[in-house]
PDB file of all heavy atoms in Angstrom:
ATOM      1  N   LYS A   1       0.854  -1.185   0.000  1.00  0.00           N
ATOM      2  CA  LYS A   1       0.000   0.000   0.000  1.00  0.00           C
ATOM      3  C   LYS A   1       0.895   1.242   0.000  1.00  0.00           C
ATOM      4  O   LYS A   1       2.077   1.184   0.352  1.00  0.00           O
ATOM      5  CB  LYS A   1      -0.901   0.040   1.248  1.00  0.00           C
ATOM      6  CG  LYS A   1      -1.871  -1.126   1.374  1.00  0.00           C
ATOM      7  CD  LYS A   1      -3.043  -0.986   0.436  1.00  0.00           C
ATOM      8  CE  LYS A   1      -4.151  -1.976   0.785  1.00  0.00           C
ATOM      9  NZ  LYS A   1      -3.734  -3.374   0.675  1.00  0.00           N
ATOM     10  N   VAL A   2       0.300   2.355  -0.362  1.00  0.00           N
ATOM     11  CA  VAL A   2       0.988   3.637  -0.254  1.00  0.00           C
ATOM     12  C   VAL A   2       0.016   4.636   0.367  1.00  0.00           C
ATOM     13  O   VAL A   2      -1.124   4.774  -0.069  1.00  0.00           O
ATOM     14  CB  VAL A   2       1.507   4.132  -1.620  1.00  0.00           C
ATOM     15  CG1 VAL A   2       0.390   4.308  -2.637  1.00  0.00           C
ATOM     16  CG2 VAL A   2       2.294   5.422  -1.460  1.00  0.00           C
ATOM     17  N   ALA A   3       0.461   5.287   1.446  1.00  0.00           N
ATOM     18  CA  ALA A   3      -0.350   6.288   2.136  1.00  0.00           C
ATOM     19  C   ALA A   3       0.088   7.680   1.703  1.00  0.00           C
ATOM     20  O   ALA A   3       1.265   7.914   1.426  1.00  0.00           O
ATOM     21  CB  ALA A   3      -0.228   6.120   3.642  1.00  0.00           C
ATOM     22  N   PHE A   4      -0.857   8.598   1.648  1.00  0.00           N
ATOM     23  CA  PHE A   4      -0.542   9.968   1.263  1.00  0.00           C
ATOM     24  C   PHE A   4      -1.621  10.892   1.811  1.00  0.00           C
ATOM     25  O   PHE A   4      -2.684  10.453   2.253  1.00  0.00           O
ATOM     26  CB  PHE A   4      -0.442  10.111  -0.260  1.00  0.00           C
ATOM     27  CG  PHE A   4      -1.704   9.783  -1.006  1.00  0.00           C
ATOM     28  CD1 PHE A   4      -2.565  10.790  -1.417  1.00  0.00           C
ATOM     29  CD2 PHE A   4      -2.035   8.469  -1.302  1.00  0.00           C
ATOM     30  CE1 PHE A   4      -3.731  10.494  -2.099  1.00  0.00           C
ATOM     31  CE2 PHE A   4      -3.204   8.160  -1.990  1.00  0.00           C
ATOM     32  CZ  PHE A   4      -4.049   9.175  -2.391  1.00  0.00           C
ATOM     33  N   VAL A   5      -1.318  12.197   1.808  1.00  0.00           N
ATOM     34  CA  VAL A   5      -2.263  13.194   2.292  1.00  0.00           C
ATOM     35  C   VAL A   5      -2.620  14.133   1.149  1.00  0.00           C
ATOM     36  O   VAL A   5      -1.742  14.648   0.452  1.00  0.00           O
ATOM     37  CB  VAL A   5      -1.695  14.003   3.471  1.00  0.00           C
ATOM     38  CG1 VAL A   5      -2.668  15.114   3.880  1.00  0.00           C
ATOM     39  CG2 VAL A   5      -1.420  13.100   4.656  1.00  0.00           C
ATOM     40  N   SER A   6      -3.919  14.351   0.966  1.00  0.00           N
ATOM     41  CA  SER A   6      -4.410  15.349   0.026  1.00  0.00           C
ATOM     42  C   SER A   6      -4.723  16.623   0.798  1.00  0.00           C
ATOM     43  O   SER A   6      -5.439  16.576   1.801  1.00  0.00           O
ATOM     44  CB  SER A   6      -5.686  14.854  -0.675  1.00  0.00           C
ATOM     45  OG  SER A   6      -5.431  13.687  -1.424  1.00  0.00           O
ATOM     46  N   SER A   7      -4.179  17.755   0.345  1.00  0.00           N
ATOM     47  CA  SER A   7      -4.400  19.040   1.012  1.00  0.00           C
ATOM     48  C   SER A   7      -5.130  19.993   0.082  1.00  0.00           C
ATOM     49  O   SER A   7      -4.859  20.038  -1.118  1.00  0.00           O
ATOM     50  CB  SER A   7      -3.072  19.669   1.438  1.00  0.00           C
ATOM     51  OG  SER A   7      -2.458  18.925   2.466  1.00  0.00           O
ATOM     52  N   SER A   8      -6.042  20.778   0.655  1.00  0.00           N
ATOM     53  CA  SER A   8      -6.774  21.758  -0.136  1.00  0.00           C
ATOM     54  C   SER A   8      -5.882  22.948  -0.459  1.00  0.00           C
ATOM     55  O   SER A   8      -4.863  23.188   0.192  1.00  0.00           O
ATOM     56  CB  SER A   8      -8.025  22.220   0.619  1.00  0.00           C
ATOM     57  OG  SER A   8      -7.667  22.852   1.832  1.00  0.00           O
ATOM     58  N   ARG A   9      -6.302  23.713  -1.450  1.00  0.00           N
ATOM     59  CA  ARG A   9      -5.496  24.838  -1.900  1.00  0.00           C
ATOM     60  C   ARG A   9      -5.261  25.854  -0.787  1.00  0.00           C
ATOM     61  O   ARG A   9      -4.184  26.452  -0.697  1.00  0.00           O
ATOM     62  CB  ARG A   9      -6.201  25.511  -3.084  1.00  0.00           C
ATOM     63  CG  ARG A   9      -5.443  26.679  -3.695  1.00  0.00           C
ATOM     64  CD  ARG A   9      -6.243  27.307  -4.809  1.00  0.00           C
ATOM     65  NE  ARG A   9      -5.530  28.416  -5.443  1.00  0.00           N
ATOM     66  CZ  ARG A   9      -6.052  29.207  -6.373  1.00  0.00           C
ATOM     67  NH1 ARG A   9      -7.295  29.006  -6.781  1.00  0.00           N
ATOM     68  NH2 ARG A   9      -5.354  30.185  -6.900  1.00  0.00           N
ATOM     69  N   ASP A  10      -6.247  26.038   0.104  1.00  0.00           N
ATOM     70  CA  ASP A  10      -6.109  27.009   1.188  1.00  0.00           C
ATOM     71  C   ASP A  10      -5.540  26.396   2.460  1.00  0.00           C
ATOM     72  O   ASP A  10      -5.467  27.058   3.494  1.00  0.00           O
ATOM     73  CB  ASP A  10      -7.455  27.670   1.495  1.00  0.00           C
ATOM     74  CG  ASP A  10      -8.538  26.654   1.859  1.00  0.00           C
ATOM     75  OD1 ASP A  10      -8.213  25.453   2.038  1.00  0.00           O
ATOM     76  OD2 ASP A  10      -9.705  27.061   1.971  1.00  0.00           O
ATOM     77  N   HIS A  11      -5.134  25.133   2.408  1.00  0.00           N
ATOM     78  CA  HIS A  11      -4.523  24.426   3.542  1.00  0.00           C
ATOM     79  C   HIS A  11      -5.487  24.211   4.714  1.00  0.00           C
ATOM     80  O   HIS A  11      -5.044  23.869   5.804  1.00  0.00           O
ATOM     81  CB  HIS A  11      -3.274  25.161   4.061  1.00  0.00           C
ATOM     82  CG  HIS A  11      -2.102  25.096   3.138  1.00  0.00           C
ATOM     83  ND1 HIS A  11      -1.356  23.959   2.937  1.00  0.00           N
ATOM     84  CD2 HIS A  11      -1.553  26.050   2.344  1.00  0.00           C
ATOM     85  CE1 HIS A  11      -0.391  24.208   2.075  1.00  0.00           C
ATOM     86  NE2 HIS A  11      -0.497  25.464   1.695  1.00  0.00           N
ATOM     87  N   LYS A  12      -6.763  24.388   4.503  1.00  0.00           N
ATOM     88  CA  LYS A  12      -7.707  24.231   5.606  1.00  0.00           C
ATOM     89  C   LYS A  12      -8.146  22.778   5.809  1.00  0.00           C
ATOM     90  O   LYS A  12      -8.629  22.414   6.881  1.00  0.00           O
ATOM     91  CB  LYS A  12      -8.950  25.105   5.375  1.00  0.00           C
ATOM     92  CG  LYS A  12      -8.668  26.603   5.409  1.00  0.00           C
ATOM     93  CD  LYS A  12      -9.942  27.397   5.195  1.00  0.00           C
ATOM     94  CE  LYS A  12      -9.648  28.894   5.097  1.00  0.00           C
ATOM     95  NZ  LYS A  12      -9.127  29.456   6.337  1.00  0.00           N
ATOM     96  N   VAL A  13      -8.007  21.952   4.777  1.00  0.00           N
ATOM     97  CA  VAL A  13      -8.466  20.565   4.842  1.00  0.00           C
ATOM     98  C   VAL A  13      -7.334  19.627   4.449  1.00  0.00           C
ATOM     99  O   VAL A  13      -6.679  19.833   3.415  1.00  0.00           O
ATOM    100  CB  VAL A  13      -9.675  20.324   3.925  1.00  0.00           C
ATOM    101  CG1 VAL A  13     -10.151  18.880   4.030  1.00  0.00           C
ATOM    102  CG2 VAL A  13     -10.818  21.288   4.254  1.00  0.00           C
ATOM    103  N   ALA A  14      -7.087  18.624   5.269  1.00  0.00           N
ATOM    104  CA  ALA A  14      -6.087  17.590   4.974  1.00  0.00           C
ATOM    105  C   ALA A  14      -6.756  16.230   5.131  1.00  0.00           C
ATOM    106  O   ALA A  14      -7.404  15.970   6.155  1.00  0.00           O
ATOM    107  CB  ALA A  14      -4.885  17.707   5.903  1.00  0.00           C
ATOM    108  N   THR A  15      -6.593  15.362   4.132  1.00  0.00           N
ATOM    109  CA  THR A  15      -7.207  14.039   4.153  1.00  0.00           C
ATOM    110  C   THR A  15      -6.136  12.972   3.989  1.00  0.00           C
ATOM    111  O   THR A  15      -5.426  12.957   2.973  1.00  0.00           O
ATOM    112  CB  THR A  15      -8.250  13.894   3.031  1.00  0.00           C
ATOM    113  OG1 THR A  15      -9.206  14.958   3.126  1.00  0.00           O
ATOM    114  CG2 THR A  15      -8.973  12.557   3.132  1.00  0.00           C
ATOM    115  N   LEU A  16      -6.018  12.111   4.980  1.00  0.00           N
ATOM    116  CA  LEU A  16      -5.078  10.995   4.914  1.00  0.00           C
ATOM    117  C   LEU A  16      -5.726   9.846   4.168  1.00  0.00           C
ATOM    118  O   LEU A  16      -6.831   9.406   4.518  1.00  0.00           O
ATOM    119  CB  LEU A  16      -4.679  10.552   6.322  1.00  0.00           C
ATOM    120  CG  LEU A  16      -3.769   9.327   6.426  1.00  0.00           C
ATOM    121  CD1 LEU A  16      -2.426   9.565   5.745  1.00  0.00           C
ATOM    122  CD2 LEU A  16      -3.573   8.923   7.884  1.00  0.00           C
ATOM    123  N   ARG A  17      -5.037   9.331   3.144  1.00  0.00           N
ATOM    124  CA  ARG A  17      -5.592   8.286   2.284  1.00  0.00           C
ATOM    125  C   ARG A  17      -4.578   7.157   2.123  1.00  0.00           C
ATOM    126  O   ARG A  17      -3.376   7.349   2.304  1.00  0.00           O
ATOM    127  CB  ARG A  17      -5.949   8.864   0.902  1.00  0.00           C
ATOM    128  CG  ARG A  17      -7.101   9.850   0.965  1.00  0.00           C
ATOM    129  CD  ARG A  17      -7.317  10.596  -0.326  1.00  0.00           C
ATOM    130  NE  ARG A  17      -8.653  11.165  -0.370  1.00  0.00           N
ATOM    131  CZ  ARG A  17      -8.998  12.244  -1.045  1.00  0.00           C
ATOM    132  NH1 ARG A  17      -8.082  12.892  -1.765  1.00  0.00           N
ATOM    133  NH2 ARG A  17     -10.230  12.690  -1.032  1.00  0.00           N
ATOM    134  N   VAL A  18      -5.079   6.002   1.742  1.00  0.00           N
ATOM    135  CA  VAL A  18      -4.209   4.869   1.453  1.00  0.00           C
ATOM    136  C   VAL A  18      -4.675   4.245   0.144  1.00  0.00           C
ATOM    137  O   VAL A  18      -5.877   4.098  -0.099  1.00  0.00           O
ATOM    138  CB  VAL A  18      -4.211   3.839   2.604  1.00  0.00           C
ATOM    139  CG1 VAL A  18      -5.593   3.241   2.808  1.00  0.00           C
ATOM    140  CG2 VAL A  18      -3.179   2.755   2.360  1.00  0.00           C
ATOM    141  N   ALA A  19      -3.721   3.930  -0.738  1.00  0.00           N
ATOM    142  CA  ALA A  19      -4.041   3.417  -2.071  1.00  0.00           C
ATOM    143  C   ALA A  19      -3.466   2.033  -2.266  1.00  0.00           C
ATOM    144  O   ALA A  19      -2.405   1.691  -1.728  1.00  0.00           O
ATOM    145  CB  ALA A  19      -3.502   4.363  -3.143  1.00  0.00           C
ATOM    146  N   ASP A  20      -4.171   1.228  -3.058  1.00  0.00           N
ATOM    147  CA  ASP A  20      -3.689  -0.075  -3.486  1.00  0.00           C
ATOM    148  C   ASP A  20      -2.934   0.127  -4.802  1.00  0.00           C
ATOM    149  O   ASP A  20      -3.548   0.502  -5.811  1.00  0.00           O
ATOM    150  CB  ASP A  20      -4.870  -1.025  -3.684  1.00  0.00           C
ATOM    151  CG  ASP A  20      -4.433  -2.444  -4.015  1.00  0.00           C
ATOM    152  OD1 ASP A  20      -3.403  -2.609  -4.690  1.00  0.00           O
ATOM    153  OD2 ASP A  20      -5.130  -3.398  -3.614  1.00  0.00           O
ATOM    154  N   PRO A  21      -1.633  -0.090  -4.839  1.00  0.00           N
ATOM    155  CA  PRO A  21      -0.863   0.195  -6.051  1.00  0.00           C
ATOM    156  C   PRO A  21      -1.178  -0.739  -7.214  1.00  0.00           C
ATOM    157  O   PRO A  21      -0.854  -0.418  -8.357  1.00  0.00           O
ATOM    158  CB  PRO A  21       0.589   0.031  -5.591  1.00  0.00           C
ATOM    159  CG  PRO A  21       0.521  -0.890  -4.427  1.00  0.00           C
ATOM    160  CD  PRO A  21      -0.775  -0.600  -3.747  1.00  0.00           C
ATOM    161  N   ALA A  22      -1.794  -1.870  -6.928  1.00  0.00           N
ATOM    162  CA  ALA A  22      -2.122  -2.813  -8.000  1.00  0.00           C
ATOM    163  C   ALA A  22      -3.412  -2.443  -8.711  1.00  0.00           C
ATOM    164  O   ALA A  22      -3.536  -2.611  -9.935  1.00  0.00           O
ATOM    165  CB  ALA A  22      -2.221  -4.234  -7.440  1.00  0.00           C
ATOM    166  N   THR A  23      -4.391  -1.927  -7.966  1.00  0.00           N
ATOM    167  CA  THR A  23      -5.705  -1.632  -8.545  1.00  0.00           C
ATOM    168  C   THR A  23      -6.000  -0.146  -8.672  1.00  0.00           C
ATOM    169  O   THR A  23      -6.869   0.249  -9.449  1.00  0.00           O
ATOM    170  CB  THR A  23      -6.807  -2.267  -7.679  1.00  0.00           C
ATOM    171  OG1 THR A  23      -6.806  -1.628  -6.391  1.00  0.00           O
ATOM    172  CG2 THR A  23      -6.566  -3.763  -7.509  1.00  0.00           C
ATOM    173  N   GLY A  24      -5.327   0.678  -7.895  1.00  0.00           N
ATOM    174  CA  GLY A  24      -5.615   2.105  -7.889  1.00  0.00           C
ATOM    175  C   GLY A  24      -6.736   2.493  -6.950  1.00  0.00           C
ATOM    176  O   GLY A  24      -7.099   3.675  -6.863  1.00  0.00           O
ATOM    177  N   ASP A  25      -7.295   1.528  -6.214  1.00  0.00           N
ATOM    178  CA  ASP A  25      -8.352   1.836  -5.255  1.00  0.00           C
ATOM    179  C   ASP A  25      -7.801   2.703  -4.126  1.00  0.00           C
ATOM    180  O   ASP A  25      -6.686   2.478  -3.640  1.00  0.00           O
ATOM    181  CB  ASP A  25      -8.946   0.555  -4.674  1.00  0.00           C
ATOM    182  CG  ASP A  25      -9.753  -0.224  -5.707  1.00  0.00           C
ATOM    183  OD1 ASP A  25     -10.207   0.395  -6.689  1.00  0.00           O
ATOM    184  OD2 ASP A  25      -9.911  -1.453  -5.537  1.00  0.00           O
ATOM    185  N   VAL A  26      -8.611   3.669  -3.688  1.00  0.00           N
ATOM    186  CA  VAL A  26      -8.195   4.627  -2.650  1.00  0.00           C
ATOM    187  C   VAL A  26      -9.223   4.618  -1.523  1.00  0.00           C
ATOM    188  O   VAL A  26     -10.433   4.633  -1.773  1.00  0.00           O
ATOM    189  CB  VAL A  26      -8.060   6.049  -3.223  1.00  0.00           C
ATOM    190  CG1 VAL A  26      -7.702   7.045  -2.125  1.00  0.00           C
ATOM    191  CG2 VAL A  26      -7.016   6.081  -4.330  1.00  0.00           C
ATOM    192  N   ARG A  27      -8.707   4.602  -0.285  1.00  0.00           N
ATOM    193  CA  ARG A  27      -9.577   4.627   0.896  1.00  0.00           C
ATOM    194  C   ARG A  27      -9.177   5.790   1.785  1.00  0.00           C
ATOM    195  O   ARG A  27      -7.999   6.002   2.075  1.00  0.00           O
ATOM    196  CB  ARG A  27      -9.448   3.301   1.654  1.00  0.00           C
ATOM    197  CG  ARG A  27     -10.250   3.212   2.935  1.00  0.00           C
ATOM    198  CD  ARG A  27     -10.371   1.745   3.381  1.00  0.00           C
ATOM    199  NE  ARG A  27      -9.093   1.058   3.389  1.00  0.00           N
ATOM    200  CZ  ARG A  27      -8.314   0.956   4.468  1.00  0.00           C
ATOM    201  NH1 ARG A  27      -8.672   1.530   5.606  1.00  0.00           N
ATOM    202  NH2 ARG A  27      -7.176   0.284   4.410  1.00  0.00           N
ATOM    203  N   ASP A  28     -10.170   6.591   2.215  1.00  0.00           N
ATOM    204  CA  ASP A  28      -9.909   7.698   3.130  1.00  0.00           C
ATOM    205  C   ASP A  28      -9.850   7.185   4.561  1.00  0.00           C
ATOM    206  O   ASP A  28     -10.767   6.499   5.022  1.00  0.00           O
ATOM    207  CB  ASP A  28     -11.002   8.763   3.021  1.00  0.00           C
ATOM    208  CG  ASP A  28     -10.948   9.513   1.703  1.00  0.00           C
ATOM    209  OD1 ASP A  28     -10.053   9.220   0.892  1.00  0.00           O
ATOM    210  OD2 ASP A  28     -11.801  10.393   1.487  1.00  0.00           O
ATOM    211  N   LEU A  29      -8.776   7.557   5.274  1.00  0.00           N
ATOM    212  CA  LEU A  29      -8.609   7.128   6.660  1.00  0.00           C
ATOM    213  C   LEU A  29      -8.995   8.208   7.663  1.00  0.00           C
ATOM    214  O   LEU A  29      -9.651   7.928   8.665  1.00  0.00           O
ATOM    215  CB  LEU A  29      -7.152   6.721   6.916  1.00  0.00           C
ATOM    216  CG  LEU A  29      -6.609   5.505   6.192  1.00  0.00           C
ATOM    217  CD1 LEU A  29      -5.165   5.270   6.584  1.00  0.00           C
ATOM    218  CD2 LEU A  29      -7.447   4.273   6.503  1.00  0.00           C
ATOM    219  N   LEU A  30      -8.578   9.455   7.388  1.00  0.00           N
ATOM    220  CA  LEU A  30      -8.708  10.504   8.400  1.00  0.00           C
ATOM    221  C   LEU A  30      -8.794  11.845   7.691  1.00  0.00           C
ATOM    222  O   LEU A  30      -8.120  12.086   6.690  1.00  0.00           O
ATOM    223  CB  LEU A  30      -7.495  10.457   9.332  1.00  0.00           C
ATOM    224  CG  LEU A  30      -7.454  11.306  10.593  1.00  0.00           C
ATOM    225  CD1 LEU A  30      -6.538  10.642  11.618  1.00  0.00           C
ATOM    226  CD2 LEU A  30      -6.934  12.709  10.312  1.00  0.00           C
ATOM    227  N   ARG A  31      -9.617  12.721   8.231  1.00  0.00           N
ATOM    228  CA  ARG A  31      -9.769  14.062   7.666  1.00  0.00           C
ATOM    229  C   ARG A  31      -9.683  15.085   8.789  1.00  0.00           C
ATOM    230  O   ARG A  31     -10.320  14.924   9.829  1.00  0.00           O
ATOM    231  CB  ARG A  31     -11.117  14.177   6.942  1.00  0.00           C
ATOM    232  CG  ARG A  31     -11.463  15.588   6.441  1.00  0.00           C
ATOM    233  CD  ARG A  31     -12.878  15.590   5.906  1.00  0.00           C
ATOM    234  NE  ARG A  31     -13.372  16.925   5.631  1.00  0.00           N
ATOM    235  CZ  ARG A  31     -13.340  17.516   4.453  1.00  0.00           C
ATOM    236  NH1 ARG A  31     -12.804  16.880   3.416  1.00  0.00           N
ATOM    237  NH2 ARG A  31     -13.839  18.730   4.284  1.00  0.00           N
ATOM    238  N   GLU A  32      -8.877  16.127   8.579  1.00  0.00           N
ATOM    239  CA  GLU A  32      -8.789  17.218   9.544  1.00  0.00           C
ATOM    240  C   GLU A  32      -9.101  18.524   8.837  1.00  0.00           C
ATOM    241  O   GLU A  32      -8.518  18.835   7.790  1.00  0.00           O
ATOM    242  CB  GLU A  32      -7.411  17.281  10.201  1.00  0.00           C
ATOM    243  CG  GLU A  32      -7.235  18.451  11.130  1.00  0.00           C
ATOM    244  CD  GLU A  32      -6.650  18.066  12.489  1.00  0.00           C
ATOM    245  OE1 GLU A  32      -6.522  16.862  12.776  1.00  0.00           O
ATOM    246  OE2 GLU A  32      -6.322  18.980  13.257  1.00  0.00           O
ATOM    247  N   GLU A  33     -10.023  19.287   9.395  1.00  0.00           N
ATOM    248  CA  GLU A  33     -10.412  20.570   8.840  1.00  0.00           C
ATOM    249  C   GLU A  33     -10.246  21.641   9.912  1.00  0.00           C
ATOM    250  O   GLU A  33     -10.704  21.469  11.041  1.00  0.00           O
ATOM    251  CB  GLU A  33     -11.859  20.534   8.347  1.00  0.00           C
ATOM    252  CG  GLU A  33     -12.275  21.773   7.594  1.00  0.00           C
ATOM    253  CD  GLU A  33     -13.607  21.605   6.876  1.00  0.00           C
ATOM    254  OE1 GLU A  33     -14.144  20.480   6.879  1.00  0.00           O
ATOM    255  OE2 GLU A  33     -14.099  22.593   6.313  1.00  0.00           O
ATOM    256  N   VAL A  34      -9.574  22.737   9.564  1.00  0.00           N
ATOM    257  CA  VAL A  34      -9.292  23.797  10.531  1.00  0.00           C
ATOM    258  C   VAL A  34      -9.751  25.131   9.955  1.00  0.00           C
ATOM    259  O   VAL A  34      -9.959  25.280   8.750  1.00  0.00           O
ATOM    260  CB  VAL A  34      -7.794  23.856  10.878  1.00  0.00           C
ATOM    261  CG1 VAL A  34      -7.326  22.556  11.504  1.00  0.00           C
ATOM    262  CG2 VAL A  34      -6.958  24.173   9.642  1.00  0.00           C
ATOM    263  N   ALA A  35      -9.891  26.108  10.838  1.00  0.00           N
ATOM    264  CA  ALA A  35     -10.369  27.424  10.416  1.00  0.00           C
ATOM    265  C   ALA A  35      -9.274  28.260   9.787  1.00  0.00           C
ATOM    266  O   ALA A  35      -9.549  29.178   9.010  1.00  0.00           O
ATOM    267  CB  ALA A  35     -10.961  28.156  11.610  1.00  0.00           C
ATOM    268  N   THR A  36      -8.015  27.975  10.111  1.00  0.00           N
ATOM    269  CA  THR A  36      -6.900  28.775   9.602  1.00  0.00           C
ATOM    270  C   THR A  36      -6.120  27.990   8.550  1.00  0.00           C
ATOM    271  O   THR A  36      -6.465  28.007   7.387  1.00  0.00           O
ATOM    272  CB  THR A  36      -5.983  29.195  10.763  1.00  0.00           C
ATOM    273  OG1 THR A  36      -5.606  28.029  11.530  1.00  0.00           O
ATOM    274  CG2 THR A  36      -6.701  30.175  11.681  1.00  0.00           C
ATOM    275  N   GLN A  37      -5.056  27.312   8.960  1.00  0.00           N
ATOM    276  CA  GLN A  37      -4.272  26.467   8.059  1.00  0.00           C
ATOM    277  C   GLN A  37      -3.819  25.234   8.817  1.00  0.00           C
ATOM    278  O   GLN A  37      -3.385  25.335   9.975  1.00  0.00           O
ATOM    279  CB  GLN A  37      -3.033  27.207   7.528  1.00  0.00           C
ATOM    280  CG  GLN A  37      -3.332  28.238   6.466  1.00  0.00           C
ATOM    281  CD  GLN A  37      -2.064  28.708   5.775  1.00  0.00           C
ATOM    282  OE1 GLN A  37      -0.959  28.503   6.255  1.00  0.00           O
ATOM    283  NE2 GLN A  37      -2.213  29.335   4.629  1.00  0.00           N
ATOM    284  N   TYR A  38      -3.903  24.079   8.160  1.00  0.00           N
ATOM    285  CA  TYR A  38      -3.387  22.866   8.772  1.00  0.00           C
ATOM    286  C   TYR A  38      -1.953  22.646   8.318  1.00  0.00           C
ATOM    287  O   TYR A  38      -1.655  22.638   7.116  1.00  0.00           O
ATOM    288  CB  TYR A  38      -4.218  21.636   8.409  1.00  0.00           C
ATOM    289  CG  TYR A  38      -3.580  20.361   8.919  1.00  0.00           C
ATOM    290  CD1 TYR A  38      -3.695  20.015  10.257  1.00  0.00           C
ATOM    291  CD2 TYR A  38      -2.823  19.540   8.086  1.00  0.00           C
ATOM    292  CE1 TYR A  38      -3.089  18.872  10.753  1.00  0.00           C
ATOM    293  CE2 TYR A  38      -2.213  18.397   8.567  1.00  0.00           C
ATOM    294  CZ  TYR A  38      -2.353  18.074   9.905  1.00  0.00           C
ATOM    295  OH  TYR A  38      -1.737  16.943  10.387  1.00  0.00           O
ATOM    296  N   GLU A  39      -1.053  22.483   9.284  1.00  0.00           N
ATOM    297  CA  GLU A  39       0.319  22.107   9.012  1.00  0.00           C
ATOM    298  C   GLU A  39       0.626  20.861   9.829  1.00  0.00           C
ATOM    299  O   GLU A  39       0.203  20.744  10.977  1.00  0.00           O
ATOM    300  CB  GLU A  39       1.288  23.223   9.393  1.00  0.00           C
ATOM    301  CG  GLU A  39       1.160  24.472   8.539  1.00  0.00           C
ATOM    302  CD  GLU A  39       2.115  25.569   8.975  1.00  0.00           C
ATOM    303  OE1 GLU A  39       2.135  25.892  10.176  1.00  0.00           O
ATOM    304  OE2 GLU A  39       2.836  26.086   8.114  1.00  0.00           O
ATOM    305  N   SER A  40       1.375  19.938   9.254  1.00  0.00           N
ATOM    306  CA  SER A  40       1.640  18.676   9.941  1.00  0.00           C
ATOM    307  C   SER A  40       2.951  18.684  10.701  1.00  0.00           C
ATOM    308  O   SER A  40       3.403  17.640  11.163  1.00  0.00           O
ATOM    309  CB  SER A  40       1.665  17.523   8.926  1.00  0.00           C
ATOM    310  OG  SER A  40       2.755  17.672   8.038  1.00  0.00           O
ATOM    311  N   GLY A  41       3.564  19.846  10.854  1.00  0.00           N
ATOM    312  CA  GLY A  41       4.814  19.929  11.594  1.00  0.00           C
ATOM    313  C   GLY A  41       5.548  21.191  11.234  1.00  0.00           C
ATOM    314  O   GLY A  41       5.062  22.016  10.458  1.00  0.00           O
ATOM    315  N   GLN A  42       6.731  21.350  11.804  1.00  0.00           N
ATOM    316  CA  GLN A  42       7.517  22.548  11.550  1.00  0.00           C
ATOM    317  C   GLN A  42       8.663  22.304  10.586  1.00  0.00           C
ATOM    318  O   GLN A  42       8.977  23.148   9.765  1.00  0.00           O
ATOM    319  CB  GLN A  42       8.054  23.088  12.881  1.00  0.00           C
ATOM    320  CG  GLN A  42       6.951  23.530  13.827  1.00  0.00           C
ATOM    321  CD  GLN A  42       7.493  24.157  15.090  1.00  0.00           C
ATOM    322  OE1 GLN A  42       8.692  24.354  15.246  1.00  0.00           O
ATOM    323  NE2 GLN A  42       6.607  24.470  16.012  1.00  0.00           N
ATOM    324  N   THR A  43       9.305  21.153  10.686  1.00  0.00           N
ATOM    325  CA  THR A  43      10.432  20.858   9.796  1.00  0.00           C
ATOM    326  C   THR A  43      10.215  19.579   8.988  1.00  0.00           C
ATOM    327  O   THR A  43      11.026  19.259   8.127  1.00  0.00           O
ATOM    328  CB  THR A  43      11.737  20.720  10.601  1.00  0.00           C
ATOM    329  OG1 THR A  43      11.555  19.724  11.618  1.00  0.00           O
ATOM    330  CG2 THR A  43      12.099  22.037  11.278  1.00  0.00           C
ATOM    331  N   ALA A  44       9.145  18.857   9.254  1.00  0.00           N
ATOM    332  CA  ALA A  44       8.851  17.625   8.521  1.00  0.00           C
ATOM    333  C   ALA A  44       7.389  17.271   8.729  1.00  0.00           C
ATOM    334  O   ALA A  44       6.740  17.759   9.655  1.00  0.00           O
ATOM    335  CB  ALA A  44       9.741  16.468   9.003  1.00  0.00           C
TER     336      ALA A  44
END
């Protein structure tokens, strides 16, 4: 599998997803929505 995060243009919404590399199927695991900007860390 390969996990990745989709972020909105304004950085307010981040969705953690996991994909099956053989079929291309994608499953949403977690979604975080904030009023300002979502950042997942300071240096990484």
